[in-house]
N, C-alpha and C. Protein backbone atom coordinates (compact mmCIF):
# COMPACT_ATOMS: atom_id res chain seq x y z
N MET A 1 -38.56 -4.94 5.63
CA MET A 1 -37.02 -4.99 5.34
C MET A 1 -36.25 -5.25 6.64
N SER A 2 -36.88 -5.21 7.75
CA SER A 2 -36.09 -5.39 9.02
C SER A 2 -35.58 -6.93 9.06
N GLY A 3 -34.47 -7.02 9.61
CA GLY A 3 -33.91 -8.37 9.67
C GLY A 3 -33.11 -8.97 8.43
N ARG A 4 -33.05 -8.16 7.43
CA ARG A 4 -32.28 -8.34 6.11
C ARG A 4 -31.03 -7.58 6.32
N ASN A 5 -30.09 -8.21 5.90
CA ASN A 5 -28.63 -7.51 5.90
C ASN A 5 -28.41 -6.92 4.67
N ARG A 6 -28.41 -5.52 4.59
CA ARG A 6 -28.39 -5.00 3.20
C ARG A 6 -27.18 -4.05 3.26
N LEU A 7 -26.70 -3.68 2.20
CA LEU A 7 -25.69 -2.71 1.88
C LEU A 7 -26.05 -1.30 2.34
N PRO A 8 -25.11 -0.37 2.51
CA PRO A 8 -25.61 0.94 2.95
C PRO A 8 -26.45 1.67 1.92
N SER A 9 -26.25 1.21 0.59
CA SER A 9 -27.05 1.79 -0.44
C SER A 9 -28.43 1.16 -0.53
N GLY A 10 -28.78 0.08 0.23
CA GLY A 10 -29.97 -0.49 0.35
C GLY A 10 -30.22 -1.79 -0.51
N GLU A 11 -29.20 -2.06 -1.34
CA GLU A 11 -29.07 -3.30 -2.11
C GLU A 11 -28.90 -4.51 -1.24
N PRO A 12 -29.51 -5.54 -1.72
CA PRO A 12 -29.23 -6.74 -0.96
C PRO A 12 -27.97 -7.29 -1.09
N ARG A 13 -27.29 -7.85 -0.02
CA ARG A 13 -25.80 -8.52 -0.03
C ARG A 13 -25.81 -9.68 -1.03
N ARG A 14 -24.72 -10.06 -1.55
CA ARG A 14 -24.47 -11.32 -2.46
C ARG A 14 -24.32 -12.33 -1.55
N ALA A 15 -24.45 -13.50 -2.05
CA ALA A 15 -24.38 -14.68 -1.05
C ALA A 15 -23.03 -14.84 -0.44
N SER A 16 -21.92 -14.44 -1.19
CA SER A 16 -20.59 -14.50 -0.39
C SER A 16 -20.39 -13.38 0.59
N GLN A 17 -21.22 -12.33 0.65
CA GLN A 17 -21.02 -11.32 1.58
C GLN A 17 -21.87 -11.62 2.80
N LYS A 18 -22.69 -12.61 2.84
CA LYS A 18 -23.83 -12.73 3.79
C LYS A 18 -23.18 -13.28 5.26
N ARG A 19 -22.22 -14.02 5.15
CA ARG A 19 -21.72 -14.82 6.30
C ARG A 19 -20.29 -14.33 6.76
N THR A 20 -20.15 -13.01 6.60
CA THR A 20 -18.93 -12.44 6.98
C THR A 20 -18.93 -12.11 8.48
N ARG A 21 -17.81 -12.12 9.09
CA ARG A 21 -17.64 -11.97 10.54
C ARG A 21 -17.32 -10.58 10.91
N PRO A 22 -17.52 -9.85 11.86
CA PRO A 22 -16.93 -8.52 12.21
C PRO A 22 -15.36 -8.69 12.38
N ALA A 23 -14.83 -7.55 12.13
CA ALA A 23 -13.45 -7.56 12.31
C ALA A 23 -12.91 -7.74 13.70
N VAL A 24 -11.96 -8.35 14.08
CA VAL A 24 -11.58 -8.56 15.42
C VAL A 24 -10.31 -7.79 15.48
N PRO A 25 -10.14 -6.79 16.58
CA PRO A 25 -9.02 -6.11 16.73
C PRO A 25 -7.81 -6.92 17.01
N LYS A 26 -6.66 -6.49 16.44
CA LYS A 26 -5.48 -7.33 16.55
C LYS A 26 -4.98 -7.45 18.12
N SER A 27 -4.63 -6.39 18.59
CA SER A 27 -4.28 -6.46 20.10
C SER A 27 -4.63 -5.07 20.80
N LEU A 28 -4.81 -5.04 21.90
CA LEU A 28 -5.01 -3.86 22.55
C LEU A 28 -3.81 -3.21 23.15
N GLN A 29 -3.39 -2.18 22.94
CA GLN A 29 -2.09 -1.59 23.47
C GLN A 29 -2.45 -0.79 24.67
N ILE A 30 -1.70 -0.95 25.71
CA ILE A 30 -1.88 -0.18 26.90
C ILE A 30 -0.89 0.77 27.01
N GLU A 31 -1.15 2.02 26.97
CA GLU A 31 -0.24 3.20 27.03
C GLU A 31 0.11 3.55 28.35
N ILE A 32 1.47 3.48 28.66
CA ILE A 32 2.03 3.96 30.03
C ILE A 32 2.16 5.29 30.04
N PRO A 33 1.62 6.06 31.04
CA PRO A 33 1.98 7.58 31.05
C PRO A 33 3.45 7.71 31.57
N TRP A 34 4.24 7.95 30.60
CA TRP A 34 5.75 8.24 31.00
C TRP A 34 5.82 9.45 31.63
N GLN A 35 6.70 9.76 32.80
CA GLN A 35 7.09 10.87 33.21
C GLN A 35 8.63 11.34 32.91
N PRO A 36 9.00 12.40 32.97
CA PRO A 36 10.50 12.73 32.70
C PRO A 36 11.22 12.13 33.90
N GLY A 37 12.31 11.45 33.49
CA GLY A 37 13.16 10.83 34.60
C GLY A 37 12.90 9.39 34.57
N ASP A 38 11.72 8.68 33.91
CA ASP A 38 11.44 7.48 34.21
C ASP A 38 12.62 6.59 33.28
N ARG A 39 12.84 5.42 33.77
CA ARG A 39 13.73 4.50 33.20
C ARG A 39 13.04 3.77 32.12
N VAL A 40 13.48 3.80 30.97
CA VAL A 40 12.85 3.03 29.65
C VAL A 40 13.75 2.16 29.12
N ARG A 41 13.45 1.17 28.24
CA ARG A 41 14.31 0.35 27.43
C ARG A 41 13.80 0.57 25.94
N TRP A 42 14.67 0.59 25.11
CA TRP A 42 14.41 0.83 23.67
C TRP A 42 15.43 0.01 23.04
N ARG A 43 15.10 -0.93 22.11
CA ARG A 43 16.01 -1.81 21.39
C ARG A 43 17.00 -2.57 22.28
N ASP A 44 16.64 -2.96 23.52
CA ASP A 44 17.49 -3.58 24.30
C ASP A 44 18.50 -2.58 24.91
N ARG A 45 18.34 -1.48 24.96
CA ARG A 45 19.31 -0.43 25.61
C ARG A 45 18.42 0.50 26.66
N ALA A 46 19.13 0.68 27.83
CA ALA A 46 18.62 1.42 28.86
C ALA A 46 18.73 2.84 28.66
N GLY A 47 17.72 3.57 28.88
CA GLY A 47 17.64 5.04 28.82
C GLY A 47 16.72 5.69 29.75
N VAL A 48 16.61 7.07 29.47
CA VAL A 48 15.77 7.94 30.39
C VAL A 48 14.87 8.69 29.56
N PHE A 49 13.56 8.59 29.98
CA PHE A 49 12.56 9.42 29.24
C PHE A 49 12.63 10.82 29.37
N ARG A 50 12.73 11.70 28.44
CA ARG A 50 12.89 13.05 28.56
C ARG A 50 11.45 13.80 28.42
N ARG A 51 10.84 13.68 27.21
CA ARG A 51 9.54 14.41 26.96
C ARG A 51 8.89 13.84 25.88
N ASP A 52 7.64 14.17 25.66
CA ASP A 52 6.66 13.85 24.70
C ASP A 52 7.10 14.85 23.46
N ALA A 53 7.07 14.45 22.27
CA ALA A 53 7.47 15.16 21.06
C ALA A 53 6.28 16.18 20.75
N GLY A 54 5.21 15.90 21.14
CA GLY A 54 3.99 16.56 20.97
C GLY A 54 2.98 16.27 19.79
N ASP A 55 3.45 15.14 19.01
CA ASP A 55 2.67 14.71 17.89
C ASP A 55 1.78 13.62 18.45
N GLY A 56 2.04 13.05 19.53
CA GLY A 56 1.25 11.75 20.04
C GLY A 56 1.85 10.64 19.78
N GLU A 57 2.77 10.55 18.79
CA GLU A 57 3.33 9.29 18.38
C GLU A 57 4.80 9.01 18.99
N HIS A 58 5.64 10.25 18.84
CA HIS A 58 6.89 10.20 19.22
C HIS A 58 7.30 10.68 20.68
N VAL A 59 8.27 10.38 21.24
CA VAL A 59 8.93 10.80 22.36
C VAL A 59 10.47 10.95 22.33
N GLU A 60 11.06 11.68 23.25
CA GLU A 60 12.53 11.75 23.28
C GLU A 60 12.99 11.00 24.45
N ILE A 61 14.19 10.36 24.31
CA ILE A 61 14.73 9.64 25.31
C ILE A 61 16.28 9.87 25.23
N THR A 62 16.94 9.70 26.40
CA THR A 62 18.38 9.89 26.46
C THR A 62 18.94 8.45 26.82
N ILE A 63 19.87 8.23 25.89
CA ILE A 63 20.72 7.08 26.04
C ILE A 63 22.29 7.52 25.94
N ALA A 64 23.07 7.31 26.85
CA ALA A 64 24.45 7.64 26.90
C ALA A 64 24.69 9.11 26.47
N GLU A 65 23.98 10.14 27.12
CA GLU A 65 24.27 11.50 26.59
C GLU A 65 23.68 11.89 25.42
N ARG A 66 23.04 11.04 24.52
CA ARG A 66 22.48 11.29 23.27
C ARG A 66 20.96 11.21 23.36
N VAL A 67 20.31 12.17 22.71
CA VAL A 67 18.94 12.16 22.54
C VAL A 67 18.28 11.55 21.53
N TYR A 68 17.44 10.63 21.55
CA TYR A 68 16.87 9.81 20.56
C TYR A 68 15.37 10.16 20.39
N ARG A 69 14.74 10.30 19.18
CA ARG A 69 13.36 10.40 19.05
C ARG A 69 12.88 9.26 18.62
N VAL A 70 12.02 8.66 19.35
CA VAL A 70 11.51 7.15 18.92
C VAL A 70 10.09 7.05 19.07
N ARG A 71 9.43 6.05 18.55
CA ARG A 71 8.01 5.87 18.70
C ARG A 71 7.55 5.47 20.21
N ARG A 72 6.56 5.94 20.60
CA ARG A 72 6.06 5.61 21.93
C ARG A 72 5.93 4.20 22.15
N THR A 73 5.35 3.67 21.07
CA THR A 73 5.03 2.19 21.04
C THR A 73 6.24 1.36 21.24
N GLU A 74 7.37 1.71 20.82
CA GLU A 74 8.62 0.90 20.98
C GLU A 74 9.20 0.90 22.20
N LEU A 75 8.78 1.70 23.16
CA LEU A 75 9.29 1.82 24.64
C LEU A 75 8.80 0.70 25.44
N ARG A 76 9.70 0.26 26.42
CA ARG A 76 9.25 -0.61 27.44
C ARG A 76 9.64 -0.09 28.76
N GLN A 77 9.17 -0.55 29.76
CA GLN A 77 9.50 0.01 31.10
C GLN A 77 10.79 -0.82 31.44
N GLY A 78 11.67 -0.03 32.03
CA GLY A 78 13.00 -0.59 32.28
C GLY A 78 13.62 -0.25 33.50
């Protein structure tokens, strides 16, 4: 059976399933390790990084004395 492309259950694949390509990742996100006080840009506004919110997805930034909780992926270096 070696060399044959089978389903996890052991059944052979249908003809339409034999020539599938492996999934290609969309893009690789490089995460910047932000530090408190770093200048950041969010939605074309300049701000200051305050802290990580603790859930791994959100951070807090300050823009004009207001604190915003935004997604880490939306920040750019500014």
